Amino acid sequence: MKVDRIIVAVTIAFAAAYFYQTGQIELLAFGDPIGPRMFPYLIGALFVIGAATLAFELSRQAKHQEVNAPVDSPPTPEERQRTRQVHWMIGAVCAWVLLYIFAFDRLGYVLSSIAFLAGLTFYFHPRKWFVNSAVSLLLPIVTYVVFHNFLHVSLPAGILPF
């Protein structure tokens, strides 16, 4: 429960920093009337909505637990081991995301996204080779085609020739 509250606080702090940085995006005198800030503001709002939803759910659970509050017992060795595993997994996923961020410009969107998705899908669903491969290959390629050809958004090509 304490970890959930930390997640809410960190998400709100991240959203505040994200909103601040979005406000720093320069507006041009010409171009789209909506401007380049709308999509980042939408993403920030989704962060806040997610944090608020989690906070609401935590308060509901707390009220329910007050009614049926069991006597707290110290965690078992298995529970402590599981908690350590979860912490390592969260750290590993964060490190994987950082690696993806650093590889994004160097390798390009398609290759870095294929590697990123393959790493995550094969780790979390190790026996689903066909689905993992299809998602890891098709999702980056399809999104690249949509962004490049239809939305005219340039994504980093990296070492690929397109």
Protein backbone atom coordinates (compact mmCIF):
# COMPACT_ATOMS: atom_id res chain seq x y z
CA MET A 1 0.00 0.00 0.00
CA LYS A 2 2.85 2.38 0.81
CA VAL A 3 4.41 1.72 -2.61
CA ASP A 4 1.13 2.65 -4.31
CA ARG A 5 1.11 6.01 -2.54
CA ILE A 6 4.69 6.61 -3.64
CA ILE A 7 3.68 5.81 -7.22
CA VAL A 8 0.84 8.36 -7.00
CA ALA A 9 3.18 11.03 -5.62
CA VAL A 10 5.90 10.34 -8.20
CA THR A 11 3.38 10.33 -11.04
CA ILE A 12 1.95 13.68 -9.97
CA ALA A 13 5.46 15.13 -9.60
CA PHE A 14 6.37 13.80 -13.04
CA ALA A 15 3.17 15.27 -14.50
CA ALA A 16 3.95 18.66 -12.94
CA ALA A 17 7.46 18.63 -14.42
CA TYR A 18 6.00 17.44 -17.73
CA PHE A 19 3.45 20.28 -17.74
CA TYR A 20 6.21 22.78 -16.96
CA GLN A 21 8.39 21.52 -19.80
CA THR A 22 5.39 21.49 -22.16
CA GLY A 23 4.84 25.15 -21.34
CA GLN A 24 8.41 25.80 -22.50
CA ILE A 25 7.64 24.62 -26.06
CA GLU A 26 7.94 27.60 -28.35
CA LEU A 27 4.81 28.65 -30.19
CA LEU A 28 5.15 29.78 -33.77
CA ALA A 29 3.25 32.71 -35.27
CA PHE A 30 2.16 30.56 -38.22
CA GLY A 31 1.07 26.97 -38.66
CA ASP A 32 -1.39 24.82 -36.81
CA PRO A 33 -3.84 26.87 -34.71
CA ILE A 34 -3.86 24.18 -32.02
CA GLY A 35 -0.11 24.43 -31.66
CA PRO A 36 2.59 21.98 -30.66
CA ARG A 37 1.61 21.94 -26.99
CA MET A 38 -1.77 20.21 -27.27
CA PHE A 39 -0.59 16.60 -27.50
CA PRO A 40 1.95 16.93 -24.65
CA TYR A 41 -0.73 18.58 -22.48
CA LEU A 42 -3.05 15.68 -23.28
CA ILE A 43 -0.37 13.18 -22.22
CA GLY A 44 0.21 15.12 -18.99
CA ALA A 45 -3.52 15.14 -18.30
CA LEU A 46 -3.59 11.36 -18.75
CA PHE A 47 -0.79 11.06 -16.16
CA VAL A 48 -2.84 13.12 -13.70
CA ILE A 49 -6.02 11.13 -14.42
CA GLY A 50 -4.11 7.87 -13.88
CA ALA A 51 -2.67 9.10 -10.58
CA ALA A 52 -6.08 10.36 -9.43
CA THR A 53 -7.68 7.04 -10.34
CA LEU A 54 -5.05 5.13 -8.38
CA ALA A 55 -5.46 7.49 -5.39
CA PHE A 56 -9.24 7.01 -5.48
CA GLU A 57 -8.84 3.23 -5.63
CA LEU A 58 -6.39 3.33 -2.71
CA SER A 59 -8.84 5.32 -0.59
CA ARG A 60 -11.61 2.82 -1.40
CA GLN A 61 -9.36 -0.08 -0.42
CA ALA A 62 -8.33 1.69 2.79
CA LYS A 63 -11.97 2.13 3.83
CA HIS A 64 -12.63 -1.54 3.09
CA GLN A 65 -9.57 -2.64 5.04
CA GLU A 66 -10.55 -0.55 8.07
CA VAL A 67 -13.74 -2.57 8.35
CA ASN A 68 -12.00 -5.93 7.91
CA ALA A 69 -8.59 -5.02 9.35
CA PRO A 70 -6.63 -8.17 10.13
CA VAL A 71 -3.86 -8.19 12.69
CA ASP A 72 -0.62 -7.32 10.92
CA SER A 73 1.96 -10.05 10.96
CA PRO A 74 5.57 -9.69 9.86
CA PRO A 75 6.21 -10.67 6.25
CA THR A 76 7.25 -14.23 5.60
CA PRO A 77 10.59 -14.98 3.91
CA GLU A 78 8.68 -15.81 0.72
CA GLU A 79 6.92 -12.43 0.78
CA ARG A 80 10.23 -10.63 1.30
CA GLN A 81 11.81 -12.58 -1.56
CA ARG A 82 8.86 -11.74 -3.83
CA THR A 83 9.14 -8.05 -2.88
CA ARG A 84 12.85 -8.09 -3.78
CA GLN A 85 12.07 -9.74 -7.11
CA VAL A 86 9.45 -7.09 -7.89
CA HIS A 87 11.90 -4.30 -7.04
CA TRP A 88 14.57 -5.83 -9.28
CA MET A 89 12.03 -6.23 -12.09
CA ILE A 90 10.96 -2.59 -11.83
CA GLY A 91 14.60 -1.52 -11.86
CA ALA A 92 15.35 -3.72 -14.86
CA VAL A 93 12.38 -2.33 -16.82
CA CYS A 94 13.46 1.23 -15.99
CA ALA A 95 17.01 0.45 -17.16
CA TRP A 96 15.58 -1.11 -20.34
CA VAL A 97 13.55 2.05 -21.00
CA LEU A 98 16.66 4.21 -20.50
CA LEU A 99 18.59 2.01 -22.91
CA TYR A 100 15.75 2.41 -25.43
CA ILE A 101 15.87 6.19 -25.02
CA PHE A 102 19.63 6.26 -25.65
CA ALA A 103 19.37 3.90 -28.63
CA PHE A 104 16.42 5.72 -30.20
CA ASP A 105 18.41 8.30 -32.20
CA ARG A 106 21.42 6.09 -32.85
CA LEU A 107 19.62 2.98 -34.10
CA GLY A 108 16.46 4.72 -35.24
CA TYR A 109 12.83 4.26 -34.32
CA VAL A 110 12.27 0.93 -36.05
CA LEU A 111 15.33 -0.99 -34.82
CA SER A 112 15.31 0.40 -31.28
CA SER A 113 11.56 -0.23 -30.94
CA ILE A 114 11.88 -3.80 -32.25
CA ALA A 115 14.66 -4.50 -29.72
CA PHE A 116 12.75 -2.79 -26.90
CA LEU A 117 9.50 -4.63 -27.54
CA ALA A 118 11.25 -7.95 -28.10
CA GLY A 119 13.05 -7.64 -24.77
CA LEU A 120 9.88 -6.84 -22.86
CA THR A 121 7.55 -9.31 -24.56
CA PHE A 122 9.99 -12.22 -24.42
CA TYR A 123 10.73 -11.52 -20.76
CA PHE A 124 7.11 -11.20 -19.62
CA HIS A 125 5.71 -13.92 -21.94
CA PRO A 126 8.62 -16.30 -22.56
CA ARG A 127 6.70 -19.14 -24.23
CA LYS A 128 4.75 -17.06 -26.74
CA TRP A 129 7.34 -16.92 -29.52
CA PHE A 130 4.97 -16.28 -32.41
CA VAL A 131 2.95 -13.52 -30.75
CA ASN A 132 6.05 -11.87 -29.27
CA SER A 133 7.83 -11.88 -32.61
CA ALA A 134 4.78 -10.58 -34.47
CA VAL A 135 4.20 -7.73 -31.99
CA SER A 136 7.90 -6.84 -31.79
CA LEU A 137 8.29 -6.69 -35.57
CA LEU A 138 4.94 -5.47 -36.84
CA LEU A 139 4.09 -2.76 -34.32
CA PRO A 140 7.20 -0.60 -34.95
CA ILE A 141 7.02 -1.11 -38.72
CA VAL A 142 3.31 -0.31 -38.96
CA THR A 143 3.58 2.73 -36.70
CA TYR A 144 6.59 3.98 -38.68
CA VAL A 145 4.65 3.68 -41.94
CA VAL A 146 1.62 5.44 -40.45
CA PHE A 147 3.65 8.27 -38.94
CA HIS A 148 5.93 8.71 -41.95
CA ASN A 149 3.50 8.25 -44.86
CA PHE A 150 0.13 9.38 -43.50
CA LEU A 151 0.86 11.80 -40.67
CA HIS A 152 4.10 13.14 -42.24
CA VAL A 153 5.97 12.92 -38.96
CA SER A 154 9.63 12.15 -39.35
CA LEU A 155 10.96 9.54 -36.95
CA PRO A 156 14.69 8.84 -36.60
CA ALA A 157 15.86 6.43 -39.30
CA GLY A 158 19.12 5.64 -37.52
CA ILE A 159 21.29 3.21 -39.41
CA LEU A 160 18.52 2.14 -41.79
CA PRO A 161 18.57 3.77 -45.24
CA PHE A 162 14.98 5.11 -45.20
